[in-house]
Amino acid sequence: MLELTQRIGPVETSEIHDHLTLPFELRMRGRLRAKTDTGYDVGLFLDRGPVLREGEFLQAQSGEIIRIRAADEPVVTARIESGLPLARLCYHLGNRHVALQIGSDEQASWVRFPPDHVLEELAERLGATLEHHRAPFDPEPGAYSESKHDHPHAH
């Protein structure tokens, strides 16, 4: 079993030994036993607190480097016009203390969150169009986050 004990900065693609794909719920844990994408047993022995972010790198005690991937999981993407409508939606959803991912694509600005009928009704009342699907969920780390890594925003 590879013991992943250290968060490290960006590395060259050729240095990556494997990938570890996890849903958001498991990326919040500092202690975890899992399998990499190619089937290696790994154990996470990390500092508690900071969430593992999409694209972050971990190093094993034996030197191997593993890249973290956000797994596809059930989400709701609320699409809405940029500017004040997006700000209003983010404010009201964030006021419910729920993890949110904020982004935009060729279609519109959007806010992504785990399925929740109350939040979905609120988003619709504020003018958002909802899409229920599976996608990576990598929410904003929060203004007071102690993360040492930049959060790669979706565009």
N, C-alpha and C. Protein backbone atom coordinates (compact mmCIF):
# COMPACT_ATOMS: atom_id res chain seq x y z
N MET A 1 0.85 -1.18 0.00
CA MET A 1 0.00 0.00 0.00
C MET A 1 0.89 1.24 0.00
N LEU A 2 0.58 2.18 -0.91
CA LEU A 2 1.28 3.46 -0.92
C LEU A 2 0.71 4.34 0.19
N GLU A 3 1.59 4.90 1.00
CA GLU A 3 1.16 5.80 2.07
C GLU A 3 1.36 7.23 1.59
N LEU A 4 0.26 7.90 1.27
CA LEU A 4 0.30 9.27 0.78
C LEU A 4 0.30 10.21 1.98
N THR A 5 1.42 10.90 2.18
CA THR A 5 1.61 11.67 3.40
C THR A 5 1.85 13.15 3.18
N GLN A 6 2.06 13.57 1.93
CA GLN A 6 2.47 14.95 1.71
C GLN A 6 1.77 15.57 0.51
N ARG A 7 1.27 16.78 0.70
CA ARG A 7 0.73 17.58 -0.40
C ARG A 7 1.92 18.30 -1.02
N ILE A 8 1.98 18.28 -2.35
CA ILE A 8 3.09 18.95 -3.02
C ILE A 8 2.55 19.85 -4.12
N GLY A 9 3.39 20.76 -4.58
CA GLY A 9 3.02 21.69 -5.65
C GLY A 9 2.98 20.99 -6.99
N PRO A 10 2.73 21.75 -8.03
CA PRO A 10 2.63 21.19 -9.38
C PRO A 10 3.89 20.42 -9.78
N VAL A 11 3.69 19.38 -10.57
CA VAL A 11 4.80 18.55 -11.05
C VAL A 11 4.64 18.34 -12.56
N GLU A 12 5.69 17.86 -13.18
CA GLU A 12 5.64 17.52 -14.61
C GLU A 12 4.75 16.30 -14.80
N THR A 13 4.03 16.25 -15.89
CA THR A 13 3.14 15.14 -16.18
C THR A 13 3.88 13.80 -16.12
N SER A 14 5.12 13.78 -16.58
CA SER A 14 5.89 12.54 -16.60
C SER A 14 6.20 12.00 -15.21
N GLU A 15 6.08 12.86 -14.18
CA GLU A 15 6.37 12.45 -12.81
C GLU A 15 5.17 11.80 -12.11
N ILE A 16 3.98 11.89 -12.72
CA ILE A 16 2.77 11.36 -12.09
C ILE A 16 2.74 9.85 -12.22
N HIS A 17 2.64 9.18 -11.08
CA HIS A 17 2.61 7.72 -11.03
C HIS A 17 1.20 7.19 -11.34
N ASP A 18 0.18 7.88 -10.82
CA ASP A 18 -1.20 7.41 -10.96
C ASP A 18 -2.15 8.54 -10.59
N HIS A 19 -3.45 8.28 -10.70
CA HIS A 19 -4.49 9.23 -10.33
C HIS A 19 -5.40 8.60 -9.28
N LEU A 20 -5.94 9.43 -8.42
CA LEU A 20 -6.90 8.99 -7.41
C LEU A 20 -8.16 9.83 -7.58
N THR A 21 -9.23 9.18 -8.03
CA THR A 21 -10.49 9.86 -8.30
C THR A 21 -11.44 9.62 -7.13
N LEU A 22 -11.87 10.73 -6.51
CA LEU A 22 -12.72 10.65 -5.32
C LEU A 22 -13.86 11.66 -5.40
N PRO A 23 -15.03 11.32 -4.84
CA PRO A 23 -16.11 12.32 -4.73
C PRO A 23 -15.75 13.35 -3.66
N PHE A 24 -16.44 14.47 -3.67
CA PHE A 24 -16.17 15.56 -2.72
C PHE A 24 -16.20 15.07 -1.28
N GLU A 25 -17.18 14.25 -0.93
CA GLU A 25 -17.31 13.76 0.45
C GLU A 25 -16.03 13.08 0.95
N LEU A 26 -15.36 12.32 0.09
CA LEU A 26 -14.12 11.64 0.49
C LEU A 26 -12.90 12.55 0.40
N ARG A 27 -12.96 13.58 -0.45
CA ARG A 27 -11.83 14.51 -0.55
C ARG A 27 -11.75 15.44 0.66
N MET A 28 -12.76 15.40 1.53
CA MET A 28 -12.74 16.19 2.75
C MET A 28 -12.00 15.48 3.88
N ARG A 29 -11.65 14.22 3.69
CA ARG A 29 -11.05 13.43 4.75
C ARG A 29 -9.53 13.41 4.65
N GLY A 30 -8.86 13.48 5.79
CA GLY A 30 -7.41 13.40 5.82
C GLY A 30 -6.90 11.98 5.98
N ARG A 31 -7.78 11.10 6.44
CA ARG A 31 -7.43 9.69 6.62
C ARG A 31 -8.41 8.87 5.80
N LEU A 32 -7.86 8.02 4.92
CA LEU A 32 -8.71 7.29 4.01
C LEU A 32 -7.92 6.15 3.38
N ARG A 33 -8.57 5.05 3.15
CA ARG A 33 -7.99 3.96 2.38
C ARG A 33 -8.78 3.88 1.07
N ALA A 34 -8.07 3.78 -0.06
CA ALA A 34 -8.73 3.80 -1.36
C ALA A 34 -7.88 3.06 -2.39
N LYS A 35 -8.37 3.02 -3.62
CA LYS A 35 -7.62 2.45 -4.75
C LYS A 35 -7.45 3.53 -5.80
N THR A 36 -6.25 3.58 -6.38
CA THR A 36 -6.01 4.53 -7.46
C THR A 36 -6.79 4.10 -8.69
N ASP A 37 -6.75 4.93 -9.72
CA ASP A 37 -7.48 4.64 -10.95
C ASP A 37 -7.00 3.36 -11.63
N THR A 38 -5.76 2.96 -11.36
CA THR A 38 -5.24 1.72 -11.96
C THR A 38 -5.22 0.56 -10.96
N GLY A 39 -5.80 0.76 -9.76
CA GLY A 39 -5.99 -0.34 -8.83
C GLY A 39 -4.98 -0.49 -7.70
N TYR A 40 -4.05 0.45 -7.54
CA TYR A 40 -3.11 0.38 -6.42
C TYR A 40 -3.82 0.74 -5.12
N ASP A 41 -3.52 0.01 -4.05
CA ASP A 41 -4.03 0.37 -2.73
C ASP A 41 -3.24 1.57 -2.21
N VAL A 42 -3.97 2.57 -1.72
CA VAL A 42 -3.33 3.74 -1.13
C VAL A 42 -4.00 4.06 0.19
N GLY A 43 -3.24 4.67 1.06
CA GLY A 43 -3.76 5.19 2.32
C GLY A 43 -3.40 6.65 2.41
N LEU A 44 -4.37 7.49 2.73
CA LEU A 44 -4.10 8.91 2.94
C LEU A 44 -3.81 9.14 4.40
N PHE A 45 -2.71 9.78 4.66
CA PHE A 45 -2.30 10.15 6.02
C PHE A 45 -1.91 11.62 5.96
N LEU A 46 -2.91 12.48 5.82
CA LEU A 46 -2.69 13.90 5.60
C LEU A 46 -3.18 14.73 6.77
N ASP A 47 -2.73 15.99 6.79
CA ASP A 47 -3.23 16.93 7.78
C ASP A 47 -4.74 17.05 7.63
N ARG A 48 -5.42 17.17 8.72
CA ARG A 48 -6.87 17.30 8.67
C ARG A 48 -7.24 18.75 8.37
N GLY A 49 -8.35 18.92 7.69
CA GLY A 49 -8.84 20.27 7.42
C GLY A 49 -8.93 20.59 5.95
N PRO A 50 -7.80 20.86 5.27
CA PRO A 50 -7.90 21.25 3.86
C PRO A 50 -8.48 20.14 2.98
N VAL A 51 -9.42 20.50 2.14
CA VAL A 51 -10.05 19.57 1.20
C VAL A 51 -9.08 19.30 0.06
N LEU A 52 -9.03 18.05 -0.40
CA LEU A 52 -8.23 17.73 -1.58
C LEU A 52 -8.93 18.33 -2.80
N ARG A 53 -8.21 19.13 -3.56
CA ARG A 53 -8.77 19.83 -4.70
C ARG A 53 -8.47 19.07 -5.99
N GLU A 54 -9.34 19.21 -6.97
CA GLU A 54 -9.10 18.69 -8.31
C GLU A 54 -7.73 19.19 -8.79
N GLY A 55 -6.89 18.26 -9.25
CA GLY A 55 -5.58 18.63 -9.78
C GLY A 55 -4.47 18.72 -8.75
N GLU A 56 -4.77 18.54 -7.48
CA GLU A 56 -3.75 18.59 -6.43
C GLU A 56 -2.88 17.34 -6.50
N PHE A 57 -1.66 17.43 -6.02
CA PHE A 57 -0.72 16.32 -6.06
C PHE A 57 -0.34 15.88 -4.65
N LEU A 58 -0.28 14.56 -4.48
CA LEU A 58 0.15 13.96 -3.22
C LEU A 58 1.37 13.11 -3.49
N GLN A 59 2.27 13.05 -2.49
CA GLN A 59 3.46 12.22 -2.65
C GLN A 59 3.47 11.15 -1.56
N ALA A 60 3.81 9.94 -1.98
CA ALA A 60 3.93 8.82 -1.05
C ALA A 60 5.27 8.90 -0.34
N GLN A 61 5.34 8.23 0.81
CA GLN A 61 6.60 8.16 1.54
C GLN A 61 7.70 7.56 0.66
N SER A 62 7.31 6.67 -0.25
CA SER A 62 8.28 6.01 -1.13
C SER A 62 8.58 6.82 -2.39
N GLY A 63 7.97 8.02 -2.53
CA GLY A 63 8.30 8.93 -3.62
C GLY A 63 7.30 9.04 -4.75
N GLU A 64 6.39 8.08 -4.90
CA GLU A 64 5.42 8.14 -5.99
C GLU A 64 4.51 9.36 -5.84
N ILE A 65 4.12 9.91 -7.00
CA ILE A 65 3.25 11.09 -7.01
C ILE A 65 1.90 10.70 -7.60
N ILE A 66 0.85 11.08 -6.89
CA ILE A 66 -0.53 10.77 -7.27
C ILE A 66 -1.28 12.08 -7.47
N ARG A 67 -2.00 12.18 -8.58
CA ARG A 67 -2.80 13.38 -8.86
C ARG A 67 -4.25 13.11 -8.47
N ILE A 68 -4.86 14.06 -7.78
CA ILE A 68 -6.26 13.96 -7.34
C ILE A 68 -7.19 14.40 -8.48
N ARG A 69 -8.26 13.64 -8.65
CA ARG A 69 -9.32 14.00 -9.59
C ARG A 69 -10.65 14.02 -8.85
N ALA A 70 -11.50 14.95 -9.21
CA ALA A 70 -12.85 15.01 -8.65
C ALA A 70 -13.72 14.04 -9.44
N ALA A 71 -14.36 13.12 -8.75
CA ALA A 71 -15.21 12.12 -9.40
C ALA A 71 -16.52 12.74 -9.87
N ASP A 72 -17.08 12.16 -10.92
CA ASP A 72 -18.44 12.53 -11.31
C ASP A 72 -19.38 12.05 -10.21
N GLU A 73 -20.31 12.91 -9.82
CA GLU A 73 -21.29 12.56 -8.80
C GLU A 73 -22.58 13.31 -9.07
N PRO A 74 -23.68 12.92 -8.44
CA PRO A 74 -24.95 13.62 -8.69
C PRO A 74 -24.86 15.08 -8.24
N VAL A 75 -25.20 15.99 -9.15
CA VAL A 75 -25.19 17.42 -8.85
C VAL A 75 -26.37 18.09 -9.54
N VAL A 76 -26.62 19.32 -9.11
CA VAL A 76 -27.58 20.19 -9.78
C VAL A 76 -26.78 21.40 -10.24
N THR A 77 -26.88 21.70 -11.53
CA THR A 77 -26.25 22.90 -12.07
C THR A 77 -27.36 23.89 -12.38
N ALA A 78 -27.29 25.03 -11.70
CA ALA A 78 -28.29 26.10 -11.86
C ALA A 78 -27.68 27.16 -12.77
N ARG A 79 -28.22 27.27 -13.99
CA ARG A 79 -27.72 28.25 -14.97
C ARG A 79 -28.54 29.53 -14.86
N ILE A 80 -27.79 30.65 -14.91
CA ILE A 80 -28.45 31.95 -14.74
C ILE A 80 -27.61 33.03 -15.41
N GLU A 81 -28.24 34.15 -15.72
CA GLU A 81 -27.56 35.28 -16.34
C GLU A 81 -26.46 35.80 -15.42
N SER A 82 -25.32 36.18 -16.02
CA SER A 82 -24.22 36.77 -15.25
C SER A 82 -24.63 38.10 -14.64
N GLY A 83 -23.81 38.61 -13.76
CA GLY A 83 -24.08 39.90 -13.13
C GLY A 83 -24.94 39.76 -11.89
N LEU A 84 -25.87 40.68 -11.72
CA LEU A 84 -26.72 40.71 -10.53
C LEU A 84 -27.50 39.41 -10.32
N PRO A 85 -28.10 38.79 -11.36
CA PRO A 85 -28.81 37.53 -11.11
C PRO A 85 -27.89 36.43 -10.53
N LEU A 86 -26.67 36.32 -11.06
CA LEU A 86 -25.72 35.33 -10.54
C LEU A 86 -25.31 35.67 -9.11
N ALA A 87 -25.04 36.95 -8.86
CA ALA A 87 -24.65 37.37 -7.50
C ALA A 87 -25.77 37.08 -6.51
N ARG A 88 -27.01 37.38 -6.90
CA ARG A 88 -28.15 37.14 -6.01
C ARG A 88 -28.30 35.64 -5.71
N LEU A 89 -28.17 34.80 -6.76
CA LEU A 89 -28.28 33.36 -6.58
C LEU A 89 -27.17 32.84 -5.64
N CYS A 90 -25.94 33.28 -5.87
CA CYS A 90 -24.83 32.86 -5.01
C CYS A 90 -25.05 33.31 -3.57
N TYR A 91 -25.53 34.53 -3.39
CA TYR A 91 -25.77 35.04 -2.05
C TYR A 91 -26.80 34.19 -1.30
N HIS A 92 -27.92 33.94 -1.94
CA HIS A 92 -29.00 33.22 -1.25
C HIS A 92 -28.65 31.75 -1.01
N LEU A 93 -27.99 31.10 -1.98
CA LEU A 93 -27.58 29.71 -1.75
C LEU A 93 -26.48 29.66 -0.70
N GLY A 94 -25.51 30.56 -0.79
CA GLY A 94 -24.41 30.59 0.19
C GLY A 94 -24.90 30.89 1.59
N ASN A 95 -25.98 31.65 1.69
CA ASN A 95 -26.57 31.97 2.99
C ASN A 95 -27.14 30.72 3.67
N ARG A 96 -27.31 29.65 2.90
CA ARG A 96 -27.79 28.37 3.44
C ARG A 96 -26.62 27.48 3.88
N HIS A 97 -25.40 28.03 3.81
CA HIS A 97 -24.19 27.32 4.25
C HIS A 97 -23.99 25.99 3.55
N VAL A 98 -24.21 25.99 2.23
CA VAL A 98 -24.01 24.79 1.44
C VAL A 98 -22.78 25.01 0.56
N ALA A 99 -22.04 23.95 0.29
CA ALA A 99 -20.88 24.03 -0.60
C ALA A 99 -21.36 24.31 -2.02
N LEU A 100 -20.74 25.30 -2.68
CA LEU A 100 -21.13 25.71 -4.02
C LEU A 100 -19.92 25.76 -4.95
N GLN A 101 -20.11 25.32 -6.16
CA GLN A 101 -19.11 25.50 -7.21
C GLN A 101 -19.68 26.54 -8.16
N ILE A 102 -18.89 27.54 -8.52
CA ILE A 102 -19.36 28.63 -9.37
C ILE A 102 -18.53 28.63 -10.65
N GLY A 103 -19.19 28.75 -11.78
CA GLY A 103 -18.45 28.76 -13.03
C GLY A 103 -19.27 29.33 -14.17
N SER A 104 -18.72 29.21 -15.37
CA SER A 104 -19.42 29.62 -16.57
C SER A 104 -18.92 28.79 -17.73
N ASP A 105 -19.71 28.71 -18.76
CA ASP A 105 -19.32 28.02 -19.98
C ASP A 105 -19.97 28.76 -21.15
N GLU A 106 -19.94 28.15 -22.32
CA GLU A 106 -20.49 28.82 -23.50
C GLU A 106 -22.00 29.06 -23.38
N GLN A 107 -22.69 28.35 -22.49
CA GLN A 107 -24.14 28.51 -22.35
C GLN A 107 -24.52 29.65 -21.41
N ALA A 108 -23.89 29.70 -20.23
CA ALA A 108 -24.27 30.71 -19.23
C ALA A 108 -23.38 30.56 -18.00
N SER A 109 -23.57 31.47 -17.07
CA SER A 109 -22.95 31.33 -15.75
C SER A 109 -23.74 30.27 -15.00
N TRP A 110 -23.09 29.62 -14.04
CA TRP A 110 -23.79 28.59 -13.30
C TRP A 110 -23.27 28.45 -11.87
N VAL A 111 -24.12 27.84 -11.05
CA VAL A 111 -23.79 27.47 -9.68
C VAL A 111 -24.14 26.00 -9.54
N ARG A 112 -23.22 25.22 -9.01
CA ARG A 112 -23.43 23.77 -8.87
C ARG A 112 -23.44 23.41 -7.39
N PHE A 113 -24.36 22.50 -7.03
CA PHE A 113 -24.48 22.06 -5.64
C PHE A 113 -25.06 20.65 -5.61
N PRO A 114 -24.94 19.96 -4.47
CA PRO A 114 -25.54 18.63 -4.36
C PRO A 114 -27.07 18.73 -4.44
N PRO A 115 -27.73 17.70 -4.96
CA PRO A 115 -29.20 17.74 -5.06
C PRO A 115 -29.85 18.01 -3.70
N ASP A 116 -30.79 18.95 -3.70
CA ASP A 116 -31.53 19.32 -2.49
C ASP A 116 -32.76 20.08 -2.95
N HIS A 117 -33.95 19.51 -2.71
CA HIS A 117 -35.16 20.11 -3.26
C HIS A 117 -35.41 21.54 -2.78
N VAL A 118 -35.03 21.87 -1.56
CA VAL A 118 -35.24 23.23 -1.05
C VAL A 118 -34.35 24.22 -1.81
N LEU A 119 -33.08 23.86 -2.00
CA LEU A 119 -32.17 24.73 -2.74
C LEU A 119 -32.58 24.84 -4.21
N GLU A 120 -33.06 23.73 -4.75
CA GLU A 120 -33.50 23.74 -6.15
C GLU A 120 -34.69 24.69 -6.34
N GLU A 121 -35.66 24.64 -5.43
CA GLU A 121 -36.82 25.53 -5.52
C GLU A 121 -36.40 26.99 -5.39
N LEU A 122 -35.47 27.27 -4.48
CA LEU A 122 -34.96 28.62 -4.30
C LEU A 122 -34.29 29.11 -5.59
N ALA A 123 -33.44 28.27 -6.18
CA ALA A 123 -32.74 28.65 -7.40
C ALA A 123 -33.72 28.95 -8.54
N GLU A 124 -34.75 28.13 -8.66
CA GLU A 124 -35.76 28.36 -9.71
C GLU A 124 -36.52 29.66 -9.46
N ARG A 125 -36.86 29.94 -8.20
CA ARG A 125 -37.56 31.19 -7.86
C ARG A 125 -36.71 32.41 -8.22
N LEU A 126 -35.39 32.25 -8.17
CA LEU A 126 -34.49 33.36 -8.49
C LEU A 126 -34.16 33.44 -9.98
N GLY A 127 -34.79 32.56 -10.79
CA GLY A 127 -34.65 32.65 -12.23
C GLY A 127 -33.68 31.68 -12.87
N ALA A 128 -33.15 30.74 -12.11
CA ALA A 128 -32.19 29.78 -12.68
C ALA A 128 -32.92 28.64 -13.39
N THR A 129 -32.26 28.09 -14.37
CA THR A 129 -32.71 26.89 -15.05
C THR A 129 -31.86 25.74 -14.52
N LEU A 130 -32.50 24.66 -14.06
CA LEU A 130 -31.78 23.58 -13.40
C LEU A 130 -31.51 22.40 -14.33
N GLU A 131 -30.35 21.80 -14.12
CA GLU A 131 -29.97 20.57 -14.82
C GLU A 131 -29.50 19.57 -13.77
N HIS A 132 -30.16 18.42 -13.69
CA HIS A 132 -29.75 17.34 -12.80
C HIS A 132 -28.88 16.39 -13.61
N HIS A 133 -27.67 16.17 -13.16
CA HIS A 133 -26.75 15.31 -13.92
C HIS A 133 -25.60 14.85 -13.02
N ARG A 134 -24.64 14.16 -13.61
CA ARG A 134 -23.44 13.74 -12.91
C ARG A 134 -22.28 14.55 -13.47
N ALA A 135 -21.47 15.11 -12.58
CA ALA A 135 -20.33 15.92 -12.98
C ALA A 135 -19.36 16.01 -11.80
N PRO A 136 -18.11 16.37 -12.06
CA PRO A 136 -17.19 16.59 -10.94
C PRO A 136 -17.71 17.75 -10.08
N PHE A 137 -17.57 17.62 -8.77
CA PHE A 137 -18.01 18.68 -7.86
C PHE A 137 -16.78 19.15 -7.08
N ASP A 138 -16.34 20.36 -7.38
CA ASP A 138 -15.16 20.94 -6.73
C ASP A 138 -15.52 22.35 -6.27
N PRO A 139 -16.24 22.44 -5.13
CA PRO A 139 -16.77 23.73 -4.68
C PRO A 139 -15.69 24.71 -4.25
N GLU A 140 -16.11 25.96 -4.17
CA GLU A 140 -15.24 27.03 -3.70
C GLU A 140 -14.71 26.66 -2.32
N PRO A 141 -13.42 26.94 -2.06
CA PRO A 141 -12.85 26.56 -0.76
C PRO A 141 -13.28 27.47 0.39
N GLY A 142 -13.78 28.65 0.12
CA GLY A 142 -14.22 29.55 1.18
C GLY A 142 -13.19 30.64 1.43
N ALA A 143 -13.66 31.78 1.83
CA ALA A 143 -12.79 32.94 2.01
C ALA A 143 -11.76 32.76 3.11
N TYR A 144 -12.06 31.92 4.09
CA TYR A 144 -11.13 31.75 5.21
C TYR A 144 -10.38 30.44 5.12
N SER A 145 -10.39 29.81 3.96
CA SER A 145 -9.70 28.55 3.74
C SER A 145 -8.21 28.73 3.94
N GLU A 146 -7.57 27.71 4.50
CA GLU A 146 -6.13 27.74 4.70
C GLU A 146 -5.41 26.97 3.59
N SER A 147 -6.10 26.69 2.50
CA SER A 147 -5.51 25.95 1.39
C SER A 147 -4.30 26.70 0.85
N LYS A 148 -3.21 25.96 0.62
CA LYS A 148 -2.00 26.55 0.06
C LYS A 148 -2.01 26.47 -1.46
N HIS A 149 -3.05 25.88 -2.02
CA HIS A 149 -3.11 25.67 -3.46
C HIS A 149 -4.17 26.55 -4.07
N ASP A 150 -3.89 27.05 -5.26
CA ASP A 150 -4.91 27.83 -5.97
C ASP A 150 -6.03 26.92 -6.37
N HIS A 151 -7.24 27.42 -6.31
CA HIS A 151 -8.42 26.64 -6.72
C HIS A 151 -8.64 26.86 -8.19
N PRO A 152 -8.56 25.80 -9.01
CA PRO A 152 -8.76 25.97 -10.45
C PRO A 152 -10.24 26.16 -10.75
N HIS A 153 -10.64 27.37 -11.07
CA HIS A 153 -12.05 27.64 -11.35
C HIS A 153 -12.45 27.08 -12.69
N ALA A 154 -13.67 26.61 -12.78
CA ALA A 154 -14.20 26.09 -14.05
C ALA A 154 -14.58 27.26 -14.94
N HIS A 155 -14.33 27.14 -16.21
CA HIS A 155 -14.70 28.19 -17.16
C HIS A 155 -15.43 27.60 -18.31
